[in-house]
Amino acid sequence: MDKVKKYCNYIGILGCLLLLIGNLFAFVTVNALGMSKSVKFVDGDGIFVIVASIVATVFIYLKKGKWNYAPALISAAVAIYDVMDAKDVAGSVGSIVKVNVDYGIGFFLIMLGAIAVATYVFLYKVDDKDILPLTKEAFTRKK
């Protein structure tokens, strides 16, 4: 656990990158009447996740660790809500036409990013000297 804790800043930054990158891939794929349509998250509520990942990155650099619960929870909640909404719409249309909604890689990247940011918050301690800093200046000041 100490080795993972040492890299918690990098876990947080990786989570923020996953939140950003997840918006660029297919979020859900809707199959109906033999046709398939992939939807990217950035086309809709992905803007909230992009803003949340930028805010989380700023919080990490400002060393405001516990504040990152909000961006992580917002990102996960928006992603889960949108998938459930797509499944509800597919279910209501499904009585007329067979509709399948499949998760895309973007959904999984966003969820992994939210988990990584939440893990960062769990591991980060303000006064812990074992945590590796993010900037080169912090390395030189430490010595």
N, C-alpha and C. Protein backbone atom coordinates (compact mmCIF):
# COMPACT_ATOMS: atom_id res chain seq x y z
N MET A 1 0.83 -1.20 0.00
CA MET A 1 0.00 0.00 0.00
C MET A 1 0.87 1.26 0.00
N ASP A 2 2.03 1.19 0.65
CA ASP A 2 2.90 2.36 0.69
C ASP A 2 3.44 2.71 -0.69
N LYS A 3 3.71 1.70 -1.52
CA LYS A 3 4.21 1.97 -2.87
C LYS A 3 3.13 2.63 -3.72
N VAL A 4 1.91 2.19 -3.57
CA VAL A 4 0.82 2.81 -4.32
C VAL A 4 0.58 4.22 -3.81
N LYS A 5 0.64 4.41 -2.50
CA LYS A 5 0.44 5.72 -1.90
C LYS A 5 1.49 6.71 -2.37
N LYS A 6 2.69 6.24 -2.60
CA LYS A 6 3.80 7.09 -3.06
C LYS A 6 3.48 7.74 -4.40
N TYR A 7 2.74 7.01 -5.25
CA TYR A 7 2.44 7.50 -6.60
C TYR A 7 1.01 8.04 -6.72
N CYS A 8 0.39 8.42 -5.63
CA CYS A 8 -1.02 8.82 -5.69
C CYS A 8 -1.24 10.06 -6.56
N ASN A 9 -0.29 10.99 -6.60
CA ASN A 9 -0.44 12.15 -7.49
C ASN A 9 -0.52 11.71 -8.95
N TYR A 10 0.28 10.74 -9.32
CA TYR A 10 0.28 10.25 -10.69
C TYR A 10 -0.97 9.43 -11.00
N ILE A 11 -1.49 8.74 -10.00
CA ILE A 11 -2.75 8.02 -10.18
C ILE A 11 -3.87 9.02 -10.44
N GLY A 12 -3.87 10.12 -9.71
CA GLY A 12 -4.88 11.17 -9.91
C GLY A 12 -4.80 11.79 -11.29
N ILE A 13 -3.59 12.11 -11.74
CA ILE A 13 -3.41 12.70 -13.07
C ILE A 13 -3.81 11.70 -14.15
N LEU A 14 -3.45 10.44 -13.97
CA LEU A 14 -3.86 9.40 -14.93
C LEU A 14 -5.38 9.30 -14.99
N GLY A 15 -6.02 9.39 -13.85
CA GLY A 15 -7.49 9.37 -13.82
C GLY A 15 -8.09 10.54 -14.58
N CYS A 16 -7.50 11.72 -14.42
CA CYS A 16 -7.98 12.90 -15.15
C CYS A 16 -7.81 12.72 -16.65
N LEU A 17 -6.68 12.14 -17.05
CA LEU A 17 -6.46 11.88 -18.48
C LEU A 17 -7.47 10.87 -19.02
N LEU A 18 -7.76 9.84 -18.24
CA LEU A 18 -8.76 8.85 -18.66
C LEU A 18 -10.14 9.49 -18.81
N LEU A 19 -10.46 10.42 -17.91
CA LEU A 19 -11.74 11.12 -18.03
C LEU A 19 -11.81 11.92 -19.32
N LEU A 20 -10.70 12.56 -19.67
CA LEU A 20 -10.66 13.33 -20.92
C LEU A 20 -10.71 12.43 -22.15
N ILE A 21 -9.88 11.41 -22.16
CA ILE A 21 -9.77 10.51 -23.32
C ILE A 21 -11.07 9.73 -23.53
N GLY A 22 -11.73 9.36 -22.45
CA GLY A 22 -12.97 8.60 -22.56
C GLY A 22 -14.04 9.32 -23.35
N ASN A 23 -13.99 10.63 -23.37
CA ASN A 23 -14.96 11.41 -24.13
C ASN A 23 -14.78 11.29 -25.63
N LEU A 24 -13.62 10.87 -26.07
CA LEU A 24 -13.32 10.82 -27.49
C LEU A 24 -13.69 9.49 -28.14
N PHE A 25 -13.96 8.48 -27.33
CA PHE A 25 -14.31 7.16 -27.84
C PHE A 25 -15.83 6.94 -27.76
N ALA A 26 -16.29 5.89 -28.40
CA ALA A 26 -17.71 5.56 -28.38
C ALA A 26 -18.16 5.29 -26.96
N PHE A 27 -19.22 5.98 -26.55
CA PHE A 27 -19.75 5.84 -25.20
C PHE A 27 -20.76 4.70 -25.14
N VAL A 28 -21.72 4.75 -26.02
CA VAL A 28 -22.68 3.66 -26.18
C VAL A 28 -22.88 3.39 -27.67
N THR A 29 -23.27 2.17 -27.96
CA THR A 29 -23.62 1.79 -29.32
C THR A 29 -25.06 1.30 -29.31
N VAL A 30 -25.87 1.89 -30.15
CA VAL A 30 -27.28 1.53 -30.23
C VAL A 30 -27.49 0.74 -31.51
N ASN A 31 -28.05 -0.46 -31.38
CA ASN A 31 -28.35 -1.33 -32.51
C ASN A 31 -29.86 -1.47 -32.65
N ALA A 32 -30.38 -1.08 -33.83
CA ALA A 32 -31.82 -1.20 -34.09
C ALA A 32 -32.04 -1.39 -35.59
N LEU A 33 -32.95 -2.28 -35.91
CA LEU A 33 -33.32 -2.54 -37.31
C LEU A 33 -32.11 -2.88 -38.17
N GLY A 34 -31.16 -3.58 -37.61
CA GLY A 34 -29.97 -3.97 -38.36
C GLY A 34 -28.96 -2.86 -38.55
N MET A 35 -29.23 -1.69 -38.00
CA MET A 35 -28.30 -0.56 -38.10
C MET A 35 -27.66 -0.33 -36.74
N SER A 36 -26.47 0.25 -36.77
CA SER A 36 -25.74 0.50 -35.54
C SER A 36 -25.27 1.95 -35.52
N LYS A 37 -25.40 2.60 -34.38
CA LYS A 37 -24.96 3.99 -34.23
C LYS A 37 -24.18 4.10 -32.94
N SER A 38 -22.93 4.55 -33.04
CA SER A 38 -22.10 4.79 -31.86
C SER A 38 -22.20 6.26 -31.48
N VAL A 39 -22.32 6.51 -30.20
CA VAL A 39 -22.44 7.87 -29.70
C VAL A 39 -21.23 8.16 -28.81
N LYS A 40 -20.55 9.25 -29.10
CA LYS A 40 -19.45 9.69 -28.24
C LYS A 40 -20.03 10.54 -27.12
N PHE A 41 -19.42 10.44 -25.97
CA PHE A 41 -19.93 11.15 -24.79
C PHE A 41 -19.75 12.65 -24.93
N VAL A 42 -18.72 13.08 -25.65
CA VAL A 42 -18.44 14.50 -25.79
C VAL A 42 -19.57 15.21 -26.54
N ASP A 43 -20.38 14.47 -27.26
CA ASP A 43 -21.50 15.06 -27.99
C ASP A 43 -22.63 15.51 -27.04
N GLY A 44 -22.64 15.06 -25.83
CA GLY A 44 -23.71 15.39 -24.90
C GLY A 44 -23.17 15.89 -23.58
N ASP A 45 -23.39 15.08 -22.53
CA ASP A 45 -22.99 15.46 -21.18
C ASP A 45 -21.50 15.31 -20.92
N GLY A 46 -20.76 14.93 -21.92
CA GLY A 46 -19.31 14.80 -21.77
C GLY A 46 -18.64 16.11 -21.39
N ILE A 47 -19.28 17.22 -21.71
CA ILE A 47 -18.73 18.53 -21.34
C ILE A 47 -18.59 18.63 -19.83
N PHE A 48 -19.55 18.07 -19.08
CA PHE A 48 -19.46 18.08 -17.62
C PHE A 48 -18.25 17.28 -17.15
N VAL A 49 -18.00 16.15 -17.79
CA VAL A 49 -16.87 15.30 -17.42
C VAL A 49 -15.56 15.98 -17.79
N ILE A 50 -15.51 16.66 -18.92
CA ILE A 50 -14.30 17.39 -19.31
C ILE A 50 -13.99 18.48 -18.30
N VAL A 51 -15.00 19.25 -17.92
CA VAL A 51 -14.81 20.30 -16.91
C VAL A 51 -14.40 19.69 -15.58
N ALA A 52 -15.02 18.57 -15.19
CA ALA A 52 -14.68 17.91 -13.92
C ALA A 52 -13.23 17.42 -13.94
N SER A 53 -12.76 16.90 -15.07
CA SER A 53 -11.38 16.42 -15.13
C SER A 53 -10.39 17.57 -15.06
N ILE A 54 -10.72 18.70 -15.67
CA ILE A 54 -9.84 19.88 -15.58
C ILE A 54 -9.80 20.41 -14.15
N VAL A 55 -10.97 20.47 -13.51
CA VAL A 55 -11.02 20.91 -12.11
C VAL A 55 -10.23 19.96 -11.22
N ALA A 56 -10.36 18.66 -11.45
CA ALA A 56 -9.62 17.67 -10.65
C ALA A 56 -8.11 17.84 -10.84
N THR A 57 -7.68 18.10 -12.07
CA THR A 57 -6.25 18.31 -12.32
C THR A 57 -5.75 19.54 -11.57
N VAL A 58 -6.51 20.62 -11.60
CA VAL A 58 -6.13 21.84 -10.88
C VAL A 58 -6.05 21.55 -9.38
N PHE A 59 -7.02 20.82 -8.84
CA PHE A 59 -7.00 20.47 -7.41
C PHE A 59 -5.77 19.64 -7.05
N ILE A 60 -5.37 18.75 -7.94
CA ILE A 60 -4.18 17.93 -7.67
C ILE A 60 -2.94 18.81 -7.62
N TYR A 61 -2.81 19.71 -8.57
CA TYR A 61 -1.64 20.59 -8.58
C TYR A 61 -1.64 21.57 -7.42
N LEU A 62 -2.82 21.98 -6.95
CA LEU A 62 -2.91 22.89 -5.81
C LEU A 62 -2.85 22.15 -4.47
N LYS A 63 -2.73 20.84 -4.53
CA LYS A 63 -2.67 19.98 -3.34
C LYS A 63 -3.91 20.10 -2.47
N LYS A 64 -5.06 20.11 -3.11
CA LYS A 64 -6.36 20.12 -2.44
C LYS A 64 -7.00 18.76 -2.63
N GLY A 65 -6.35 17.74 -2.08
CA GLY A 65 -6.71 16.35 -2.33
C GLY A 65 -8.15 15.98 -2.09
N LYS A 66 -8.68 16.28 -0.93
CA LYS A 66 -10.03 15.84 -0.58
C LYS A 66 -11.10 16.51 -1.42
N TRP A 67 -10.81 17.61 -2.04
CA TRP A 67 -11.78 18.31 -2.88
C TRP A 67 -12.08 17.52 -4.16
N ASN A 68 -11.26 16.54 -4.50
CA ASN A 68 -11.45 15.80 -5.75
C ASN A 68 -12.55 14.75 -5.67
N TYR A 69 -13.16 14.58 -4.51
CA TYR A 69 -14.31 13.69 -4.46
C TYR A 69 -15.42 14.21 -5.37
N ALA A 70 -15.62 15.52 -5.39
CA ALA A 70 -16.70 16.11 -6.20
C ALA A 70 -16.51 15.83 -7.69
N PRO A 71 -15.35 16.14 -8.31
CA PRO A 71 -15.21 15.83 -9.74
C PRO A 71 -15.32 14.34 -10.05
N ALA A 72 -14.80 13.49 -9.18
CA ALA A 72 -14.87 12.05 -9.43
C ALA A 72 -16.32 11.57 -9.37
N LEU A 73 -17.05 12.01 -8.37
CA LEU A 73 -18.45 11.59 -8.23
C LEU A 73 -19.33 12.17 -9.34
N ILE A 74 -19.08 13.41 -9.72
CA ILE A 74 -19.85 14.02 -10.81
C ILE A 74 -19.63 13.24 -12.11
N SER A 75 -18.38 12.92 -12.41
CA SER A 75 -18.06 12.19 -13.65
C SER A 75 -18.73 10.83 -13.68
N ALA A 76 -18.62 10.09 -12.58
CA ALA A 76 -19.23 8.76 -12.53
C ALA A 76 -20.75 8.86 -12.58
N ALA A 77 -21.33 9.81 -11.87
CA ALA A 77 -22.78 9.95 -11.84
C ALA A 77 -23.34 10.32 -13.21
N VAL A 78 -22.68 11.23 -13.90
CA VAL A 78 -23.15 11.65 -15.23
C VAL A 78 -23.06 10.48 -16.20
N ALA A 79 -21.97 9.73 -16.16
CA ALA A 79 -21.80 8.59 -17.07
C ALA A 79 -22.85 7.51 -16.80
N ILE A 80 -23.05 7.18 -15.54
CA ILE A 80 -24.04 6.15 -15.19
C ILE A 80 -25.46 6.61 -15.54
N TYR A 81 -25.76 7.87 -15.26
CA TYR A 81 -27.08 8.40 -15.58
C TYR A 81 -27.35 8.32 -17.09
N ASP A 82 -26.37 8.69 -17.90
CA ASP A 82 -26.58 8.68 -19.35
C ASP A 82 -26.75 7.26 -19.89
N VAL A 83 -26.03 6.30 -19.33
CA VAL A 83 -26.20 4.92 -19.78
C VAL A 83 -27.59 4.41 -19.37
N MET A 84 -28.00 4.71 -18.15
CA MET A 84 -29.34 4.28 -17.70
C MET A 84 -30.43 4.95 -18.53
N ASP A 85 -30.24 6.22 -18.87
CA ASP A 85 -31.21 6.93 -19.70
C ASP A 85 -31.30 6.30 -21.08
N ALA A 86 -30.16 5.95 -21.67
CA ALA A 86 -30.15 5.29 -22.98
C ALA A 86 -30.84 3.94 -22.91
N LYS A 87 -30.62 3.21 -21.83
CA LYS A 87 -31.27 1.90 -21.68
C LYS A 87 -32.78 2.06 -21.48
N ASP A 88 -33.21 3.11 -20.77
CA ASP A 88 -34.65 3.35 -20.60
C ASP A 88 -35.32 3.68 -21.93
N VAL A 89 -34.68 4.53 -22.71
CA VAL A 89 -35.23 4.89 -24.02
C VAL A 89 -35.28 3.65 -24.91
N ALA A 90 -34.21 2.85 -24.88
CA ALA A 90 -34.20 1.62 -25.68
C ALA A 90 -35.29 0.67 -25.23
N GLY A 91 -35.54 0.62 -23.93
CA GLY A 91 -36.59 -0.25 -23.42
C GLY A 91 -37.97 0.20 -23.86
N SER A 92 -38.20 1.51 -23.89
CA SER A 92 -39.51 2.00 -24.32
C SER A 92 -39.72 1.83 -25.82
N VAL A 93 -38.66 1.99 -26.60
CA VAL A 93 -38.75 1.78 -28.05
C VAL A 93 -38.73 0.29 -28.35
N GLY A 94 -38.16 -0.49 -27.44
CA GLY A 94 -38.02 -1.92 -27.65
C GLY A 94 -39.32 -2.67 -27.80
N SER A 95 -40.43 -2.07 -27.36
CA SER A 95 -41.72 -2.74 -27.54
C SER A 95 -42.15 -2.71 -29.01
N ILE A 96 -41.61 -1.75 -29.76
CA ILE A 96 -41.93 -1.63 -31.18
C ILE A 96 -40.88 -2.33 -32.03
N VAL A 97 -39.63 -2.05 -31.75
CA VAL A 97 -38.49 -2.56 -32.52
C VAL A 97 -37.46 -3.10 -31.55
N LYS A 98 -36.77 -4.16 -31.94
CA LYS A 98 -35.72 -4.71 -31.07
C LYS A 98 -34.52 -3.75 -31.06
N VAL A 99 -34.18 -3.25 -29.87
CA VAL A 99 -33.10 -2.28 -29.70
C VAL A 99 -32.13 -2.81 -28.66
N ASN A 100 -30.85 -2.79 -29.00
CA ASN A 100 -29.80 -3.16 -28.04
C ASN A 100 -28.92 -1.95 -27.78
N VAL A 101 -28.56 -1.75 -26.52
CA VAL A 101 -27.64 -0.68 -26.14
C VAL A 101 -26.43 -1.36 -25.52
N ASP A 102 -25.27 -1.13 -26.11
CA ASP A 102 -24.03 -1.72 -25.62
C ASP A 102 -23.10 -0.63 -25.12
N TYR A 103 -22.38 -0.94 -24.04
CA TYR A 103 -21.39 -0.01 -23.53
C TYR A 103 -20.22 0.08 -24.51
N GLY A 104 -19.69 1.29 -24.67
CA GLY A 104 -18.51 1.47 -25.50
C GLY A 104 -17.27 1.63 -24.64
N ILE A 105 -16.12 1.68 -25.27
CA ILE A 105 -14.86 1.82 -24.53
C ILE A 105 -14.80 3.16 -23.79
N GLY A 106 -15.47 4.17 -24.32
CA GLY A 106 -15.49 5.47 -23.65
C GLY A 106 -16.11 5.40 -22.27
N PHE A 107 -17.18 4.62 -22.13
CA PHE A 107 -17.81 4.45 -20.82
C PHE A 107 -16.83 3.85 -19.82
N PHE A 108 -16.14 2.81 -20.25
CA PHE A 108 -15.21 2.15 -19.34
C PHE A 108 -14.02 3.04 -18.99
N LEU A 109 -13.54 3.84 -19.95
CA LEU A 109 -12.44 4.76 -19.65
C LEU A 109 -12.88 5.83 -18.66
N ILE A 110 -14.09 6.34 -18.83
CA ILE A 110 -14.60 7.35 -17.89
C ILE A 110 -14.78 6.75 -16.50
N MET A 111 -15.29 5.55 -16.42
CA MET A 111 -15.45 4.92 -15.11
C MET A 111 -14.11 4.63 -14.45
N LEU A 112 -13.13 4.15 -15.23
CA LEU A 112 -11.78 3.92 -14.68
C LEU A 112 -11.16 5.24 -14.23
N GLY A 113 -11.36 6.29 -14.99
CA GLY A 113 -10.84 7.60 -14.60
C GLY A 113 -11.45 8.09 -13.30
N ALA A 114 -12.75 7.93 -13.15
CA ALA A 114 -13.42 8.34 -11.91
C ALA A 114 -12.93 7.52 -10.73
N ILE A 115 -12.70 6.23 -10.94
CA ILE A 115 -12.17 5.37 -9.87
C ILE A 115 -10.75 5.78 -9.51
N ALA A 116 -9.93 6.12 -10.52
CA ALA A 116 -8.55 6.53 -10.25
C ALA A 116 -8.51 7.84 -9.47
N VAL A 117 -9.37 8.79 -9.83
CA VAL A 117 -9.40 10.07 -9.09
C VAL A 117 -9.89 9.83 -7.67
N ALA A 118 -10.87 8.98 -7.48
CA ALA A 118 -11.35 8.66 -6.13
C ALA A 118 -10.27 7.93 -5.33
N THR A 119 -9.49 7.08 -5.99
CA THR A 119 -8.36 6.40 -5.32
C THR A 119 -7.32 7.40 -4.88
N TYR A 120 -7.05 8.38 -5.74
CA TYR A 120 -6.11 9.45 -5.36
C TYR A 120 -6.59 10.13 -4.09
N VAL A 121 -7.86 10.48 -4.03
CA VAL A 121 -8.39 11.17 -2.86
C VAL A 121 -8.24 10.30 -1.61
N PHE A 122 -8.49 9.02 -1.76
CA PHE A 122 -8.38 8.09 -0.63
C PHE A 122 -6.93 8.00 -0.13
N LEU A 123 -5.95 7.99 -1.04
CA LEU A 123 -4.54 7.81 -0.66
C LEU A 123 -3.84 9.09 -0.25
N TYR A 124 -4.31 10.24 -0.71
CA TYR A 124 -3.60 11.50 -0.50
C TYR A 124 -3.72 11.98 0.94
N LYS A 125 -2.59 12.34 1.50
CA LYS A 125 -2.53 12.97 2.82
C LYS A 125 -1.67 14.22 2.68
N VAL A 126 -2.13 15.34 3.20
CA VAL A 126 -1.47 16.62 3.02
C VAL A 126 -0.05 16.61 3.57
N ASP A 127 0.15 16.06 4.73
CA ASP A 127 1.46 16.13 5.39
C ASP A 127 2.35 14.92 5.14
N ASP A 128 1.99 14.07 4.19
CA ASP A 128 2.77 12.87 3.90
C ASP A 128 3.98 13.21 3.02
N LYS A 129 5.16 12.99 3.53
CA LYS A 129 6.40 13.32 2.81
C LYS A 129 6.81 12.23 1.83
N ASP A 130 6.18 11.05 1.89
CA ASP A 130 6.54 9.94 0.99
C ASP A 130 5.91 10.08 -0.40
N ILE A 131 4.90 10.92 -0.52
CA ILE A 131 4.22 11.09 -1.81
C ILE A 131 5.14 11.86 -2.75
N LEU A 132 5.34 11.31 -3.94
CA LEU A 132 6.17 11.97 -4.94
C LEU A 132 5.49 13.21 -5.47
N PRO A 133 6.23 14.33 -5.55
CA PRO A 133 5.63 15.56 -6.09
C PRO A 133 5.49 15.47 -7.61
N LEU A 134 4.67 16.35 -8.17
CA LEU A 134 4.42 16.34 -9.60
C LEU A 134 5.41 17.18 -10.40
N THR A 135 5.99 18.19 -9.80
CA THR A 135 6.85 19.11 -10.54
C THR A 135 8.30 18.93 -10.18
N LYS A 136 9.17 19.31 -11.10
CA LYS A 136 10.61 19.19 -10.88
C LYS A 136 11.09 20.12 -9.77
N GLU A 137 10.47 21.31 -9.67
CA GLU A 137 10.87 22.26 -8.63
C GLU A 137 10.64 21.67 -7.23
N ALA A 138 9.57 20.89 -7.10
CA ALA A 138 9.28 20.29 -5.81
C ALA A 138 10.36 19.26 -5.44
N PHE A 139 10.92 18.57 -6.46
CA PHE A 139 12.01 17.64 -6.19
C PHE A 139 13.23 18.38 -5.68
N THR A 140 13.58 19.51 -6.31
CA THR A 140 14.78 20.24 -5.91
C THR A 140 14.61 20.94 -4.58
N ARG A 141 13.42 21.43 -4.25
CA ARG A 141 13.19 22.07 -2.95
C ARG A 141 13.23 21.06 -1.82
N LYS A 142 12.87 19.81 -2.11
CA LYS A 142 12.80 18.80 -1.07
C LYS A 142 14.18 18.48 -0.51
N LYS A 143 15.22 18.62 -1.33
CA LYS A 143 16.57 18.24 -0.91
C LYS A 143 17.23 19.27 -0.07
